[in-house]
Amino acid sequence: MDYLNILESAVTSKNKKPNGELVYEALLSAEKENRKESIKYNFEQLWGEWRLTFITGTKSSQKKMGGLLGKGFYLPPLAKITISYNADSDNPKSLQGRVANKVNVGLVTFIISGPIKYVEKRNIMAFDFNHLSMSILGNKLYEQDVRGGVKSEHEFYINSISKQAFFSYFLVTENFIAARGRGGGLALWKKER
């Protein structure tokens, strides 16, 4: 399980991070191990805020870039992108809740949020973004429902996973999580809080 050490180093090291190809191979090894062992993760293990650290891009974007992305890359420290998952406060055992994807660029913060549902037997977190906000120094300047807003949530919960955006988690630890997106890209996040 050397891949665990590589991924741990990728999210914790300040200066001597493993190269992108090594991280990519470690992610593939973790995914293969998960498939072989049929490891299942609980919804609660994904709760909290996670900072995006390393991505490969979708298979489509990799093809378009013609190898420019290599096997993947670390996000620069100035680009802070987080995803947070929270359970439905009215019914925390429902495997439903909210997602917020936050992008900080300088003093500006963009947040796109919406509903989630977790398919525990497959480690799949499906999501839909239906609310957008923008703030500067914590002061909200813009807020709007998108893609049908709250009205679209009922449809989200009854639609098949095959019609939705999702992450298929293949590694979940206290310090980091790793998943493959619907588009085929790999991602690694570290725990923020």
Protein backbone atom coordinates (compact mmCIF):
# COMPACT_ATOMS: atom_id res chain seq x y z
CA MET A 1 0.00 0.00 0.00
CA ASP A 2 2.81 2.37 -0.88
CA TYR A 3 0.25 4.48 -2.75
CA LEU A 4 -1.09 5.70 0.62
CA ASN A 5 2.30 7.22 1.51
CA ILE A 6 2.55 8.90 -1.89
CA LEU A 7 -0.94 10.40 -1.64
CA GLU A 8 -0.40 11.46 1.98
CA SER A 9 2.81 13.21 0.91
CA ALA A 10 1.00 14.85 -2.02
CA VAL A 11 -1.49 16.53 0.32
CA THR A 12 0.79 17.32 3.28
CA SER A 13 4.25 18.16 1.89
CA LYS A 14 5.04 21.81 1.40
CA ASN A 15 8.20 21.59 -0.71
CA LYS A 16 8.98 18.00 -1.70
CA LYS A 17 5.74 16.80 -3.24
CA PRO A 18 5.84 13.62 -5.33
CA ASN A 19 5.81 14.32 -9.07
CA GLY A 20 2.50 14.28 -10.94
CA GLU A 21 3.10 10.95 -12.65
CA LEU A 22 3.77 9.27 -9.30
CA VAL A 23 0.57 10.73 -7.83
CA TYR A 24 -1.39 9.65 -10.91
CA GLU A 25 -0.07 6.08 -10.60
CA ALA A 26 -0.84 6.08 -6.85
CA LEU A 27 -4.42 7.16 -7.57
CA LEU A 28 -4.81 4.36 -10.12
CA SER A 29 -3.42 1.85 -7.60
CA ALA A 30 -5.84 3.06 -4.93
CA GLU A 31 -8.75 2.79 -7.36
CA LYS A 32 -7.70 -0.73 -8.40
CA GLU A 33 -7.37 -1.79 -4.75
CA ASN A 34 -10.84 -0.43 -3.98
CA ARG A 35 -12.36 -2.37 -6.87
CA LYS A 36 -10.56 -5.56 -5.86
CA GLU A 37 -11.50 -5.31 -2.17
CA SER A 38 -14.97 -3.74 -2.69
CA ILE A 39 -14.28 -1.18 0.04
CA LYS A 40 -17.37 0.82 1.06
CA TYR A 41 -17.38 4.24 2.67
CA ASN A 42 -20.09 5.83 4.80
CA PHE A 43 -21.75 9.11 3.86
CA GLU A 44 -20.50 10.61 7.15
CA GLN A 45 -16.87 10.01 6.16
CA LEU A 46 -17.25 12.58 3.36
CA TRP A 47 -18.81 15.32 5.50
CA GLY A 48 -16.74 18.44 5.92
CA GLU A 49 -14.65 20.71 3.75
CA TRP A 50 -11.99 19.34 1.39
CA ARG A 51 -9.40 21.34 -0.57
CA LEU A 52 -8.69 20.26 -4.13
CA THR A 53 -4.99 19.44 -4.40
CA PHE A 54 -4.37 17.42 -7.55
CA ILE A 55 -6.37 16.77 -10.74
CA THR A 56 -5.90 14.96 -14.03
CA GLY A 57 -8.70 16.64 -15.97
CA THR A 58 -11.47 14.73 -17.73
CA LYS A 59 -10.63 12.29 -20.49
CA SER A 60 -12.10 14.80 -22.96
CA SER A 61 -9.95 17.69 -21.69
CA GLN A 62 -6.84 15.50 -21.69
CA LYS A 63 -7.48 14.64 -25.33
CA LYS A 64 -8.06 18.29 -26.29
CA MET A 65 -4.89 19.44 -24.53
CA GLY A 66 -2.82 16.83 -26.38
CA GLY A 67 -0.79 15.70 -23.39
CA LEU A 68 -0.11 19.23 -22.13
CA LEU A 69 -1.64 18.31 -18.76
CA GLY A 70 0.64 15.30 -18.47
CA LYS A 71 -0.62 12.71 -16.03
CA GLY A 72 -2.09 15.45 -13.85
CA PHE A 73 -1.04 18.48 -11.87
CA TYR A 74 -1.14 20.14 -8.48
CA LEU A 75 -3.31 23.20 -8.08
CA PRO A 76 -1.19 26.25 -7.26
CA PRO A 77 -1.47 27.43 -3.63
CA LEU A 78 -3.04 30.71 -4.76
CA ALA A 79 -5.97 28.84 -6.33
CA LYS A 80 -8.00 27.67 -3.37
CA ILE A 81 -10.84 25.41 -4.47
CA THR A 82 -12.83 23.49 -1.87
CA ILE A 83 -15.82 21.21 -1.86
CA SER A 84 -17.92 20.65 1.23
CA TYR A 85 -20.57 18.07 1.93
CA ASN A 86 -23.16 18.40 4.67
CA ALA A 87 -26.02 16.08 5.58
CA ASP A 88 -29.65 17.11 5.44
CA SER A 89 -30.10 18.64 8.90
CA ASP A 90 -33.73 17.46 9.08
CA ASN A 91 -32.83 13.87 8.26
CA PRO A 92 -29.07 13.14 8.52
CA LYS A 93 -29.57 9.39 7.87
CA SER A 94 -31.21 10.02 4.48
CA LEU A 95 -27.92 10.01 2.50
CA GLN A 96 -28.95 13.42 1.14
CA GLY A 97 -27.66 16.88 1.85
CA ARG A 98 -25.91 19.90 0.37
CA VAL A 99 -22.72 20.51 -1.56
CA ALA A 100 -20.83 23.80 -1.84
CA ASN A 101 -17.99 24.24 -4.30
CA LYS A 102 -15.99 27.32 -3.34
CA VAL A 103 -13.35 29.04 -5.48
CA ASN A 104 -11.21 31.79 -3.92
CA VAL A 105 -9.39 34.08 -6.33
CA GLY A 106 -7.66 36.85 -4.43
CA LEU A 107 -10.30 38.73 -2.45
CA VAL A 108 -13.18 37.26 -4.47
CA THR A 109 -15.06 34.10 -3.52
CA PHE A 110 -17.42 32.24 -5.85
CA ILE A 111 -19.70 29.57 -4.39
CA ILE A 112 -21.89 27.25 -6.38
CA SER A 113 -24.08 24.95 -4.31
CA GLY A 114 -26.94 22.51 -4.46
CA PRO A 115 -28.28 19.11 -3.44
CA ILE A 116 -26.38 15.84 -3.10
CA LYS A 117 -27.32 12.21 -2.74
CA TYR A 118 -24.95 9.44 -1.77
CA VAL A 119 -25.18 5.91 -3.16
CA GLU A 120 -23.37 4.10 -0.37
CA LYS A 121 -23.11 0.68 -2.01
CA ARG A 122 -21.18 2.26 -4.92
CA ASN A 123 -19.37 5.13 -3.09
CA ILE A 124 -20.99 7.61 -5.50
CA MET A 125 -21.82 11.19 -4.56
CA ALA A 126 -24.21 12.68 -7.12
CA PHE A 127 -24.66 16.45 -7.09
CA ASP A 128 -26.39 19.29 -8.85
CA PHE A 129 -25.42 22.94 -8.66
CA ASN A 130 -28.45 25.22 -8.59
CA HIS A 131 -27.34 28.29 -6.62
CA LEU A 132 -24.51 30.74 -7.33
CA SER A 133 -23.09 33.51 -5.16
CA MET A 134 -20.12 35.86 -5.31
CA SER A 135 -18.58 37.88 -2.51
CA ILE A 136 -15.62 40.18 -1.98
CA LEU A 137 -14.00 40.21 1.45
CA GLY A 138 -17.00 38.28 2.78
CA ASN A 139 -19.56 40.80 1.50
CA LYS A 140 -22.07 39.13 -0.82
CA LEU A 141 -22.33 41.05 -4.10
CA TYR A 142 -24.27 38.63 -6.24
CA GLU A 143 -26.60 35.72 -5.63
CA GLN A 144 -28.86 33.84 -8.02
CA ASP A 145 -30.56 30.50 -8.54
CA VAL A 146 -29.30 28.68 -11.64
CA ARG A 147 -30.50 25.62 -13.56
CA GLY A 148 -33.99 25.76 -12.07
CA GLY A 149 -32.91 26.62 -8.53
CA VAL A 150 -34.71 24.96 -5.63
CA LYS A 151 -37.53 23.90 -7.96
CA SER A 152 -35.14 21.50 -9.72
CA GLU A 153 -34.22 19.64 -6.52
CA HIS A 154 -37.22 17.32 -6.56
CA GLU A 155 -36.19 16.13 -10.05
CA PHE A 156 -32.61 15.68 -8.88
CA TYR A 157 -33.61 13.28 -6.12
CA ILE A 158 -35.74 11.10 -8.40
CA ASN A 159 -33.47 11.09 -11.47
CA SER A 160 -31.11 8.21 -12.14
CA ILE A 161 -27.43 8.63 -11.26
CA SER A 162 -26.59 7.99 -14.92
CA LYS A 163 -28.13 11.40 -15.75
CA GLN A 164 -26.24 13.32 -13.07
CA ALA A 165 -22.82 14.70 -12.28
CA PHE A 166 -21.04 12.60 -9.68
CA PHE A 167 -17.80 11.58 -8.03
CA SER A 168 -17.07 7.91 -7.44
CA TYR A 169 -14.91 7.82 -4.30
CA PHE A 170 -12.33 5.06 -4.19
CA LEU A 171 -10.24 6.27 -1.24
CA VAL A 172 -11.43 8.04 1.89
CA THR A 173 -9.15 8.72 4.87
CA GLU A 174 -9.23 11.24 7.71
CA ASN A 175 -6.76 13.47 5.84
CA PHE A 176 -7.68 13.10 2.18
CA ILE A 177 -10.19 11.73 -0.31
CA ALA A 178 -9.81 10.60 -3.92
CA ALA A 179 -12.39 10.09 -6.65
CA ARG A 180 -13.03 9.66 -10.33
CA GLY A 181 -15.55 12.05 -11.83
CA ARG A 182 -18.25 11.14 -14.31
CA GLY A 183 -16.05 12.57 -17.09
CA GLY A 184 -13.23 10.16 -16.22
CA GLY A 185 -10.85 12.56 -14.48
CA LEU A 186 -9.17 11.82 -11.15
CA ALA A 187 -9.04 14.21 -8.21
CA LEU A 188 -7.38 14.33 -4.80
CA TRP A 189 -8.57 16.60 -1.97
CA LYS A 190 -7.11 17.20 1.48
CA LYS A 191 -9.17 17.80 4.62
CA GLU A 192 -9.65 21.47 5.47
CA ARG A 193 -12.06 21.08 8.38
